[in-house]
Amino acid sequence: MPNTKTVVPFSATPEQMKALDAVIASHKGQPGATMPVLQEAQEIFGYLPEEVQLKVAEGLGLSLSEIYGVVSFYTQFSLNPKGKKQVAVCMGTACYVKGAGDILERIEKLIGCKAGSVTDDGMFSIDATRCIGACGLAPVILVDGDVYGNLVLDEVDGIIKKYMA
């Protein structure tokens, strides 16, 4: 298995930085600007690395710790880059009790990276998520937004290999 945590250096295009500047400018001084700015920033970059958080903090006149507090609290925000193919394994109570931990381990072995990271080639990322609200289908995974429920361990290989093709 490749390394367990791939660190991808942050890089941004001038267009992305210009778009972020425009987002910050459009919300500057507005009450409650933090969430919409962070949401739009994540749309631009795909995740919210420290460099983006710092730019948002400076632009909105907030501390980096305030921005990080919001980013780390809400599960909709990601601190890590995502792969071209995104896998999410629900680890909510119903899914966990029905074997989600074993499913996550199998996916990590198949893809070659641990939850919370991205493969060396940037093709796949895996996230262990909180409840996704599909408890009646437990255990559940999402691959690029496609929902797979009532999983048994033997089905995982076929599902993941479909996305590897």
Protein backbone atom coordinates (compact mmCIF):
# COMPACT_ATOMS: atom_id res chain seq x y z
CA MET A 1 0.00 0.00 0.00
CA PRO A 2 1.31 3.51 -0.78
CA ASN A 3 1.84 6.01 1.99
CA THR A 4 -1.02 6.48 4.38
CA LYS A 5 -1.30 10.25 4.07
CA THR A 6 -0.45 11.96 0.83
CA VAL A 7 0.48 15.58 1.30
CA VAL A 8 -0.30 17.58 -1.80
CA PRO A 9 1.27 21.05 -1.82
CA PHE A 10 -1.24 23.83 -2.32
CA SER A 11 -1.16 25.55 -5.66
CA ALA A 12 -3.64 27.99 -7.11
CA THR A 13 -4.02 29.57 -10.49
CA PRO A 14 -4.21 33.35 -10.82
CA GLU A 15 -7.82 32.88 -11.94
CA GLN A 16 -8.69 31.01 -8.75
CA MET A 17 -7.11 33.69 -6.58
CA LYS A 18 -8.92 36.40 -8.52
CA ALA A 19 -12.21 34.54 -8.05
CA LEU A 20 -11.55 34.26 -4.31
CA ASP A 21 -10.77 37.98 -4.09
CA ALA A 22 -14.07 38.72 -5.84
CA VAL A 23 -16.01 36.45 -3.45
CA ILE A 24 -14.45 38.09 -0.41
CA ALA A 25 -15.09 41.58 -1.79
CA SER A 26 -18.74 40.76 -2.52
CA HIS A 27 -19.36 39.70 1.10
CA LYS A 28 -17.00 42.00 3.01
CA GLY A 29 -18.71 43.87 5.82
CA GLN A 30 -21.88 41.77 5.66
CA PRO A 31 -23.07 40.03 8.82
CA GLY A 32 -22.71 36.27 8.52
CA ALA A 33 -20.29 36.47 5.59
CA THR A 34 -18.02 33.70 6.83
CA MET A 35 -20.11 30.70 5.76
CA PRO A 36 -20.96 31.84 2.23
CA VAL A 37 -17.37 32.95 1.60
CA LEU A 38 -16.00 29.61 2.78
CA GLN A 39 -18.59 27.70 0.74
CA GLU A 40 -17.69 29.62 -2.40
CA ALA A 41 -13.97 29.29 -1.67
CA GLN A 42 -14.36 25.53 -1.42
CA GLU A 43 -16.19 25.51 -4.75
CA ILE A 44 -13.24 27.36 -6.29
CA PHE A 45 -10.44 25.21 -4.83
CA GLY A 46 -12.19 21.94 -3.99
CA TYR A 47 -11.02 22.19 -0.37
CA LEU A 48 -9.90 24.80 2.16
CA PRO A 49 -6.16 24.65 2.77
CA GLU A 50 -4.52 26.95 5.30
CA GLU A 51 -3.50 29.41 2.58
CA VAL A 52 -7.13 29.91 1.53
CA GLN A 53 -8.31 30.16 5.12
CA LEU A 54 -5.70 32.84 5.80
CA LYS A 55 -6.76 34.83 2.73
CA VAL A 56 -10.42 34.62 3.84
CA ALA A 57 -9.51 35.62 7.41
CA GLU A 58 -7.52 38.64 6.23
CA GLY A 59 -10.21 39.62 3.72
CA LEU A 60 -13.02 39.47 6.26
CA GLY A 61 -11.02 40.97 9.11
CA LEU A 62 -11.15 37.81 11.20
CA SER A 63 -8.48 35.70 12.84
CA LEU A 64 -7.23 32.52 11.24
CA SER A 65 -8.38 30.64 14.35
CA GLU A 66 -11.95 31.90 13.85
CA ILE A 67 -11.95 30.70 10.25
CA TYR A 68 -10.35 27.37 11.18
CA GLY A 69 -12.95 26.93 13.92
CA VAL A 70 -15.74 27.17 11.35
CA VAL A 71 -13.98 24.99 8.78
CA SER A 72 -13.16 22.26 11.28
CA PHE A 73 -16.62 22.29 12.88
CA TYR A 74 -18.80 21.87 9.78
CA THR A 75 -18.47 18.56 7.95
CA GLN A 76 -19.30 20.21 4.62
CA PHE A 77 -15.82 21.72 4.60
CA SER A 78 -12.70 19.78 3.73
CA LEU A 79 -9.15 20.54 4.83
CA ASN A 80 -7.73 18.02 2.39
CA PRO A 81 -7.75 17.87 -1.40
CA LYS A 82 -10.16 15.43 -2.98
CA GLY A 83 -9.46 12.87 -5.66
CA LYS A 84 -11.09 12.85 -9.06
CA LYS A 85 -13.17 9.95 -7.72
CA GLN A 86 -14.53 10.53 -4.22
CA VAL A 87 -15.54 7.70 -1.90
CA ALA A 88 -17.44 8.34 1.33
CA VAL A 89 -18.13 5.58 3.82
CA CYS A 90 -20.88 6.31 6.32
CA MET A 91 -19.69 5.59 9.83
CA GLY A 92 -22.91 6.58 11.58
CA THR A 93 -24.20 4.24 14.25
CA ALA A 94 -26.49 2.14 12.03
CA CYS A 95 -23.81 1.72 9.35
CA TYR A 96 -21.04 1.05 11.84
CA VAL A 97 -23.04 -1.62 13.65
CA LYS A 98 -23.71 -3.32 10.31
CA GLY A 99 -20.05 -3.53 9.29
CA ALA A 100 -19.01 -0.14 7.90
CA GLY A 101 -15.61 -0.43 9.60
CA ASP A 102 -14.78 -3.59 7.63
CA ILE A 103 -16.08 -1.98 4.44
CA LEU A 104 -13.86 1.05 4.99
CA GLU A 105 -10.82 -1.18 5.54
CA ARG A 106 -11.54 -3.09 2.33
CA ILE A 107 -11.89 0.13 0.32
CA GLU A 108 -8.66 1.52 1.78
CA LYS A 109 -6.81 -1.64 0.66
CA LEU A 110 -8.38 -1.61 -2.82
CA ILE A 111 -7.71 2.05 -3.48
CA GLY A 112 -4.37 2.29 -1.71
CA CYS A 113 -4.89 5.12 0.74
CA LYS A 114 -6.41 5.71 4.16
CA ALA A 115 -9.59 7.62 4.98
CA GLY A 116 -8.99 11.36 4.96
CA SER A 117 -6.38 11.20 2.23
CA VAL A 118 -5.95 11.00 -1.51
CA THR A 119 -4.06 8.46 -3.60
CA ASP A 120 -0.61 9.42 -4.85
CA ASP A 121 -1.96 9.86 -8.38
CA GLY A 122 -4.87 12.06 -7.20
CA MET A 123 -7.42 9.65 -8.65
CA PHE A 124 -9.23 8.61 -5.43
CA SER A 125 -9.94 10.08 -2.05
CA ILE A 126 -11.71 8.36 0.83
CA ASP A 127 -13.65 9.94 3.67
CA ALA A 128 -15.18 8.29 6.69
CA THR A 129 -18.30 10.41 7.17
CA ARG A 130 -20.86 10.88 9.88
CA CYS A 131 -24.42 9.74 9.36
CA ILE A 132 -25.64 10.57 5.87
CA GLY A 133 -29.29 10.00 6.73
CA ALA A 134 -29.77 6.70 4.91
CA CYS A 135 -29.90 4.52 8.00
CA GLY A 136 -32.52 2.22 6.46
CA LEU A 137 -29.93 1.28 3.83
CA ALA A 138 -27.09 0.65 6.28
CA PRO A 139 -24.26 0.14 5.63
CA VAL A 140 -23.92 2.81 2.94
CA ILE A 141 -21.13 4.19 0.77
CA LEU A 142 -21.17 6.97 -1.78
CA VAL A 143 -18.90 6.96 -4.80
CA ASP A 144 -19.01 10.17 -6.82
CA GLY A 145 -22.48 10.79 -5.43
CA ASP A 146 -23.79 7.32 -6.33
CA VAL A 147 -25.36 5.65 -3.27
CA TYR A 148 -24.73 1.99 -2.52
CA GLY A 149 -26.72 0.61 0.39
CA ASN A 150 -27.39 -2.64 2.20
CA LEU A 151 -23.81 -3.57 1.40
CA VAL A 152 -22.10 -6.77 2.25
CA LEU A 153 -18.32 -6.94 2.24
CA ASP A 154 -18.17 -9.14 -0.87
CA GLU A 155 -19.89 -6.44 -2.99
CA VAL A 156 -17.28 -3.76 -2.28
CA ASP A 157 -14.61 -5.00 -4.70
CA GLY A 158 -16.97 -4.93 -7.68
CA ILE A 159 -18.26 -1.45 -6.85
CA ILE A 160 -14.82 0.09 -6.45
CA LYS A 161 -13.34 -1.68 -9.49
CA LYS A 162 -16.13 -0.20 -11.61
CA TYR A 163 -14.74 3.27 -10.82
CA MET A 164 -11.15 2.19 -11.40
CA ALA A 165 -11.90 1.35 -15.04
